[in-house]
Amino acid sequence: MQTEEVLKIALTELDDHKGQNIVTLDVRGKTSFTDYMIVVTGTSDRHLKALCEYVAVKLKENGVIPLGVEGDLGSDWVLLDIGDVIVHAMTNQAREFYQLEKLWSVEHVKETEQQAG
C-alpha cells in the first residue's frame, strides 16, 4: 500500500473517532525514519490509546501491519509507528508542552536559512 493511502486511512480513522486538532507534518527530506507525522489531540489517556487502536485495526484490515505502539493507559502521549507514517496522539497538555509542530517548523526554518546563507 502506498504511503499516501496509509496516511489517508489514518487521518480518516482519527477524524471518525473524534481526534481533535489533527495536523499532518510532511517531514520528507527532513528525517530518514518517516515521511509523515500526524499529531492529534485526545481527551484522555483512554481516548489516545483508542485512537491508535482504531488506526491499527483499520490498517490491518487493509494489509498493513503497524511496526509498534509506545505508550499505554496512564500515558499522555501514545505513538503509533506505521513506518512511513507516525501518529502522535497526545493530551492537550502534552501537546502544548512538546510543541512538535513548532519543533519541526523551526528545523525547517533553520535548514532554509543555512541553505540561503
C-alpha atoms as a PDB file:
ATOM      1  CA  MET A   1       0.000   0.000   0.000  1.00  0.00           C
ATOM      2  CA  GLN A   2       1.311   3.448  -0.893  1.00  0.00           C
ATOM      3  CA  THR A   3       2.285   5.890   1.856  1.00  0.00           C
ATOM      4  CA  GLU A   4      -0.432   8.357   0.839  1.00  0.00           C
ATOM      5  CA  GLU A   5      -3.079   5.632   1.183  1.00  0.00           C
ATOM      6  CA  VAL A   6      -1.834   4.760   4.672  1.00  0.00           C
ATOM      7  CA  LEU A   7      -1.897   8.457   5.564  1.00  0.00           C
ATOM      8  CA  LYS A   8      -5.464   8.827   4.301  1.00  0.00           C
ATOM      9  CA  ILE A   9      -6.696   5.803   6.280  1.00  0.00           C
ATOM     10  CA  ALA A  10      -5.037   7.076   9.460  1.00  0.00           C
ATOM     11  CA  LEU A  11      -6.466  10.575   9.062  1.00  0.00           C
ATOM     12  CA  THR A  12      -9.958   9.234   8.349  1.00  0.00           C
ATOM     13  CA  GLU A  13      -9.925   6.951  11.396  1.00  0.00           C
ATOM     14  CA  LEU A  14      -8.646   9.711  13.686  1.00  0.00           C
ATOM     15  CA  ASP A  15     -11.325  12.099  12.454  1.00  0.00           C
ATOM     16  CA  ASP A  16     -14.103   9.482  12.613  1.00  0.00           C
ATOM     17  CA  HIS A  17     -13.201   8.700  16.235  1.00  0.00           C
ATOM     18  CA  LYS A  18     -13.187  12.287  17.472  1.00  0.00           C
ATOM     19  CA  GLY A  19      -9.487  13.071  17.335  1.00  0.00           C
ATOM     20  CA  GLN A  20      -9.058  16.810  17.810  1.00  0.00           C
ATOM     21  CA  ASN A  21      -6.805  19.355  16.089  1.00  0.00           C
ATOM     22  CA  ILE A  22      -5.377  16.831  13.603  1.00  0.00           C
ATOM     23  CA  VAL A  23      -2.230  18.119  11.896  1.00  0.00           C
ATOM     24  CA  THR A  24      -0.127  16.348   9.273  1.00  0.00           C
ATOM     25  CA  LEU A  25       3.571  17.223   9.127  1.00  0.00           C
ATOM     26  CA  ASP A  26       5.369  16.401   5.884  1.00  0.00           C
ATOM     27  CA  VAL A  27       8.901  15.561   7.037  1.00  0.00           C
ATOM     28  CA  ARG A  28      10.200  14.051   3.808  1.00  0.00           C
ATOM     29  CA  GLY A  29      13.755  15.251   3.342  1.00  0.00           C
ATOM     30  CA  LYS A  30      13.997  16.324   6.993  1.00  0.00           C
ATOM     31  CA  THR A  31      14.367  12.893   8.542  1.00  0.00           C
ATOM     32  CA  SER A  32      15.183   9.416   7.361  1.00  0.00           C
ATOM     33  CA  PHE A  33      12.848   7.483   9.654  1.00  0.00           C
ATOM     34  CA  THR A  34       9.444   8.563   8.305  1.00  0.00           C
ATOM     35  CA  ASP A  35       7.710  10.657   5.652  1.00  0.00           C
ATOM     36  CA  TYR A  36       4.737  11.991   7.604  1.00  0.00           C
ATOM     37  CA  MET A  37       3.871  12.657  11.215  1.00  0.00           C
ATOM     38  CA  ILE A  38       0.299  13.067  12.317  1.00  0.00           C
ATOM     39  CA  VAL A  39      -0.257  14.938  15.564  1.00  0.00           C
ATOM     40  CA  VAL A  40      -3.686  14.537  17.139  1.00  0.00           C
ATOM     41  CA  THR A  41      -5.162  15.553  20.485  1.00  0.00           C
ATOM     42  CA  GLY A  42      -7.263  13.149  22.524  1.00  0.00           C
ATOM     43  CA  THR A  43      -9.453  13.899  25.514  1.00  0.00           C
ATOM     44  CA  SER A  44      -7.975  11.304  27.899  1.00  0.00           C
ATOM     45  CA  ASP A  45      -5.363   8.546  28.098  1.00  0.00           C
ATOM     46  CA  ARG A  46      -8.058   6.029  27.093  1.00  0.00           C
ATOM     47  CA  HIS A  47      -9.009   8.149  24.094  1.00  0.00           C
ATOM     48  CA  LEU A  48      -5.343   8.365  22.983  1.00  0.00           C
ATOM     49  CA  LYS A  49      -4.929   4.600  23.161  1.00  0.00           C
ATOM     50  CA  ALA A  50      -8.267   4.006  21.405  1.00  0.00           C
ATOM     51  CA  LEU A  51      -7.395   6.410  18.568  1.00  0.00           C
ATOM     52  CA  CYS A  52      -4.202   4.488  17.833  1.00  0.00           C
ATOM     53  CA  GLU A  53      -6.002   1.139  18.127  1.00  0.00           C
ATOM     54  CA  TYR A  54      -8.686   2.222  15.639  1.00  0.00           C
ATOM     55  CA  VAL A  55      -5.998   3.240  13.148  1.00  0.00           C
ATOM     56  CA  ALA A  56      -4.058  -0.009  13.675  1.00  0.00           C
ATOM     57  CA  VAL A  57      -7.163  -2.188  13.207  1.00  0.00           C
ATOM     58  CA  LYS A  58      -8.208  -0.405  10.017  1.00  0.00           C
ATOM     59  CA  LEU A  59      -4.710  -0.676   8.593  1.00  0.00           C
ATOM     60  CA  LYS A  60      -4.550  -4.401   9.424  1.00  0.00           C
ATOM     61  CA  GLU A  61      -7.864  -4.823   7.554  1.00  0.00           C
ATOM     62  CA  ASN A  62      -6.064  -3.293   4.566  1.00  0.00           C
ATOM     63  CA  GLY A  63      -2.979  -5.499   4.859  1.00  0.00           C
ATOM     64  CA  VAL A  64      -0.685  -3.064   6.669  1.00  0.00           C
ATOM     65  CA  ILE A  65       0.812  -4.196   9.970  1.00  0.00           C
ATOM     66  CA  PRO A  66       1.974  -1.319  12.219  1.00  0.00           C
ATOM     67  CA  LEU A  67       5.566  -1.625  13.433  1.00  0.00           C
ATOM     68  CA  GLY A  68       4.752  -0.792  17.036  1.00  0.00           C
ATOM     69  CA  VAL A  69       2.966   1.267  19.661  1.00  0.00           C
ATOM     70  CA  GLU A  70       4.567   3.192  22.513  1.00  0.00           C
ATOM     71  CA  GLY A  71       2.596   4.455  25.490  1.00  0.00           C
ATOM     72  CA  ASP A  72      -0.327   2.925  27.302  1.00  0.00           C
ATOM     73  CA  LEU A  73      -3.129   3.785  29.684  1.00  0.00           C
ATOM     74  CA  GLY A  74      -1.819   6.440  32.015  1.00  0.00           C
ATOM     75  CA  SER A  75       0.328   7.981  29.268  1.00  0.00           C
ATOM     76  CA  ASP A  76      -0.287  11.462  27.959  1.00  0.00           C
ATOM     77  CA  TRP A  77       1.339  10.528  24.635  1.00  0.00           C
ATOM     78  CA  VAL A  78       0.799   7.401  22.521  1.00  0.00           C
ATOM     79  CA  LEU A  79       2.896   6.854  19.410  1.00  0.00           C
ATOM     80  CA  LEU A  80       1.811   4.529  16.599  1.00  0.00           C
ATOM     81  CA  ASP A  81       4.631   3.674  14.194  1.00  0.00           C
ATOM     82  CA  ILE A  82       3.368   2.708  10.746  1.00  0.00           C
ATOM     83  CA  GLY A  83       6.745   3.133   9.063  1.00  0.00           C
ATOM     84  CA  ASP A  84       6.346   5.987   6.596  1.00  0.00           C
ATOM     85  CA  VAL A  85       3.637   7.484   8.831  1.00  0.00           C
ATOM     86  CA  ILE A  86       3.874   8.047  12.579  1.00  0.00           C
ATOM     87  CA  VAL A  87       0.858   9.019  14.684  1.00  0.00           C
ATOM     88  CA  HIS A  88       1.480  11.089  17.812  1.00  0.00           C
ATOM     89  CA  ALA A  89      -1.718  11.019  19.911  1.00  0.00           C
ATOM     90  CA  MET A  90      -1.317  13.432  22.806  1.00  0.00           C
ATOM     91  CA  THR A  91      -3.311  15.085  25.545  1.00  0.00           C
ATOM     92  CA  ASN A  92      -3.749  18.812  25.118  1.00  0.00           C
ATOM     93  CA  GLN A  93      -1.312  19.456  27.979  1.00  0.00           C
ATOM     94  CA  ALA A  94       1.399  17.228  26.471  1.00  0.00           C
ATOM     95  CA  ARG A  95       0.879  18.730  23.032  1.00  0.00           C
ATOM     96  CA  GLU A  96       1.292  22.253  24.371  1.00  0.00           C
ATOM     97  CA  PHE A  97       4.405  21.221  26.306  1.00  0.00           C
ATOM     98  CA  TYR A  98       6.233  19.354  23.495  1.00  0.00           C
ATOM     99  CA  GLN A  99       5.049  21.549  20.587  1.00  0.00           C
ATOM    100  CA  LEU A 100       6.015  19.066  17.861  1.00  0.00           C
ATOM    101  CA  GLU A 101       4.574  21.229  15.089  1.00  0.00           C
ATOM    102  CA  LYS A 102       6.736  24.139  16.184  1.00  0.00           C
ATOM    103  CA  LEU A 103       9.795  21.918  16.600  1.00  0.00           C
ATOM    104  CA  TRP A 104       9.584  20.639  13.030  1.00  0.00           C
ATOM    105  CA  SER A 105       8.779  24.058  11.563  1.00  0.00           C
ATOM    106  CA  VAL A 106      11.765  25.604  13.410  1.00  0.00           C
ATOM    107  CA  GLU A 107      14.001  22.858  11.994  1.00  0.00           C
ATOM    108  CA  HIS A 108      12.712  23.700   8.539  1.00  0.00           C
ATOM    109  CA  VAL A 109      13.413  27.411   9.049  1.00  0.00           C
ATOM    110  CA  LYS A 110      16.970  26.634  10.240  1.00  0.00           C
ATOM    111  CA  GLU A 111      17.604  24.417   7.202  1.00  0.00           C
ATOM    112  CA  THR A 112      16.249  27.105   4.870  1.00  0.00           C
ATOM    113  CA  GLU A 113      18.415  29.791   6.494  1.00  0.00           C
ATOM    114  CA  GLN A 114      21.532  27.600   6.219  1.00  0.00           C
ATOM    115  CA  GLN A 115      20.881  26.908   2.547  1.00  0.00           C
ATOM    116  CA  ALA A 116      20.338  30.614   1.827  1.00  0.00           C
ATOM    117  CA  GLY A 117      23.429  31.688   3.811  1.00  0.00           C
END
